[in-house]
Amino acid sequence: MNAADLQKLSLSFAGATETIQWDDDRVFKVAGKMFAVTGMEADSLYCFKVDDSRFLEMTDLPGIRPAPYLARAKWVQVDANLCELPSADLKGLVQRSYDLVVAKLPKKTQKSLIDEG
C-alpha cells in the first residue's frame, strides 16, 4: 500500500476529510482529529495511530518505525518500499487508526458518523 492508496482508503471512511498542513503534508481527519498523515507524493512515507499494546510490536517490523513527533501518542511511520506487511494488513491498521480516533469522540459525534455511513 502506498500513500496514494492511503489517501483513497482514508477518504472512504465516514466523515473523513483531507487537509494540507505543515506546508506539504496530507492530513486525514475525522471530526477534526487526525487518524493518518502522508506526504504529497505517491511514494511518500505515511503515519497512523496504532493500539498502545501493539506499538512496540509494530515498530519491530521492517519498514515501520515510531512516527516523528507523534510516537508518544503511539503513531507509527510506514515506508512502503521496506514494509513487508501485506496491503490488506496495512489497510486494516489504517481502519483501526480511524476507529481508535472515532472511539474518543463525543457520543453525539459518533452517532452522526454512524448515521452518515
Protein backbone atom coordinates (compact mmCIF):
# COMPACT_ATOMS: atom_id res chain seq x y z
CA MET A 1 0.00 0.00 0.00
CA ASN A 2 1.45 3.36 -0.98
CA ALA A 3 0.48 6.91 0.02
CA ALA A 4 -1.97 7.23 -2.88
CA ASP A 5 -3.72 4.05 -1.68
CA LEU A 6 -3.78 5.51 1.83
CA GLN A 7 -5.48 8.65 0.53
CA LYS A 8 -8.17 6.67 -1.29
CA LEU A 9 -8.80 4.40 1.70
CA SER A 10 -8.85 7.22 4.25
CA LEU A 11 -11.37 9.26 2.30
CA SER A 12 -13.69 6.24 2.10
CA PHE A 13 -14.35 6.37 5.87
CA ALA A 14 -17.48 8.10 7.18
CA GLY A 15 -16.83 11.77 7.92
CA ALA A 16 -13.19 11.65 6.79
CA THR A 17 -11.64 14.81 5.40
CA GLU A 18 -8.28 15.71 3.91
CA THR A 19 -6.40 18.90 4.65
CA ILE A 20 -2.94 20.13 3.74
CA GLN A 21 -0.93 21.07 6.83
CA TRP A 22 2.67 21.84 7.67
CA ASP A 23 3.29 23.08 4.11
CA ASP A 24 3.14 19.75 2.25
CA ASP A 25 1.50 17.01 4.31
CA ARG A 26 -1.86 15.44 3.61
CA VAL A 27 -3.65 15.04 6.93
CA PHE A 28 -6.70 12.80 7.16
CA LYS A 29 -9.13 13.67 9.93
CA VAL A 30 -12.47 12.70 11.34
CA ALA A 31 -14.35 15.38 13.29
CA GLY A 32 -11.17 17.48 13.24
CA LYS A 33 -8.98 14.74 14.78
CA MET A 34 -6.09 13.20 12.83
CA PHE A 35 -6.01 9.50 12.07
CA ALA A 36 -3.44 9.38 9.22
CA VAL A 37 -0.79 11.59 7.62
CA THR A 38 1.24 11.31 4.42
CA GLY A 39 3.22 13.46 2.03
CA MET A 40 2.07 14.79 -1.32
CA GLU A 41 3.93 12.22 -3.46
CA ALA A 42 2.51 8.75 -4.15
CA ASP A 43 5.64 7.12 -2.71
CA SER A 44 5.70 9.22 0.48
CA LEU A 45 6.02 7.70 3.91
CA TYR A 46 2.78 7.65 5.87
CA CYS A 47 1.78 7.60 9.53
CA PHE A 48 -1.17 6.40 11.55
CA LYS A 49 -2.13 5.59 15.14
CA VAL A 50 -1.91 2.03 16.49
CA ASP A 51 -3.20 0.39 19.65
CA ASP A 52 -0.95 1.13 22.63
CA SER A 53 -0.48 -2.62 23.17
CA ARG A 54 0.75 -3.13 19.56
CA PHE A 55 3.10 -0.14 19.28
CA LEU A 56 6.33 -1.97 20.19
CA GLU A 57 5.37 -4.99 18.11
CA MET A 58 4.71 -2.80 15.08
CA THR A 59 7.93 -0.78 15.38
CA ASP A 60 9.95 -4.01 15.41
CA LEU A 61 8.77 -4.82 11.87
CA PRO A 62 10.88 -3.90 8.84
CA GLY A 63 9.79 -0.62 7.25
CA ILE A 64 7.84 0.55 10.31
CA ARG A 65 9.24 2.90 12.93
CA PRO A 66 7.96 5.31 15.58
CA ALA A 67 6.49 8.34 13.82
CA PRO A 68 8.49 11.54 14.33
CA TYR A 69 6.72 13.93 16.71
CA LEU A 70 3.79 11.54 17.14
CA ALA A 71 5.36 8.42 18.65
CA ARG A 72 4.44 9.45 22.19
CA ALA A 73 0.79 9.13 21.08
CA LYS A 74 1.55 5.65 19.64
CA TRP A 75 1.77 6.58 15.97
CA VAL A 76 3.94 4.63 13.53
CA GLN A 77 5.55 5.66 10.24
CA VAL A 78 5.50 3.24 7.31
CA ASP A 79 7.95 3.13 4.41
CA ALA A 80 6.02 1.16 1.79
CA ASN A 81 9.27 0.29 -0.01
CA LEU A 82 10.62 -1.52 3.05
CA CYS A 83 7.46 -2.74 4.76
CA GLU A 84 6.78 -6.45 4.44
CA LEU A 85 3.19 -6.39 5.68
CA PRO A 86 0.58 -7.21 3.03
CA SER A 87 -1.58 -4.32 1.83
CA ALA A 88 -4.65 -5.92 3.40
CA ASP A 89 -2.97 -5.83 6.82
CA LEU A 90 -1.93 -2.20 6.38
CA LYS A 91 -5.45 -1.27 5.31
CA GLY A 92 -6.76 -2.96 8.43
CA LEU A 93 -4.33 -0.96 10.56
CA VAL A 94 -5.44 2.32 8.97
CA GLN A 95 -9.07 1.33 9.59
CA ARG A 96 -8.13 0.62 13.21
CA SER A 97 -6.46 4.04 13.48
CA TYR A 98 -9.70 5.65 12.29
CA ASP A 99 -11.69 3.51 14.76
CA LEU A 100 -9.39 4.49 17.66
CA VAL A 101 -9.90 8.18 16.92
CA VAL A 102 -13.67 7.79 16.49
CA ALA A 103 -13.88 5.95 19.83
CA LYS A 104 -12.52 9.06 21.58
CA LEU A 105 -15.07 11.40 20.01
CA PRO A 106 -18.18 12.53 21.87
CA LYS A 107 -21.07 10.03 21.62
CA LYS A 108 -23.19 12.53 19.66
CA THR A 109 -20.44 12.88 17.04
CA GLN A 110 -20.00 9.11 16.87
CA LYS A 111 -23.72 8.69 16.27
CA SER A 112 -23.69 11.25 13.47
CA LEU A 113 -20.86 9.31 11.78
CA ILE A 114 -22.85 6.09 12.02
CA ASP A 115 -25.90 7.82 10.57
CA GLU A 116 -23.73 9.24 7.76
CA GLY A 117 -22.11 5.89 6.95
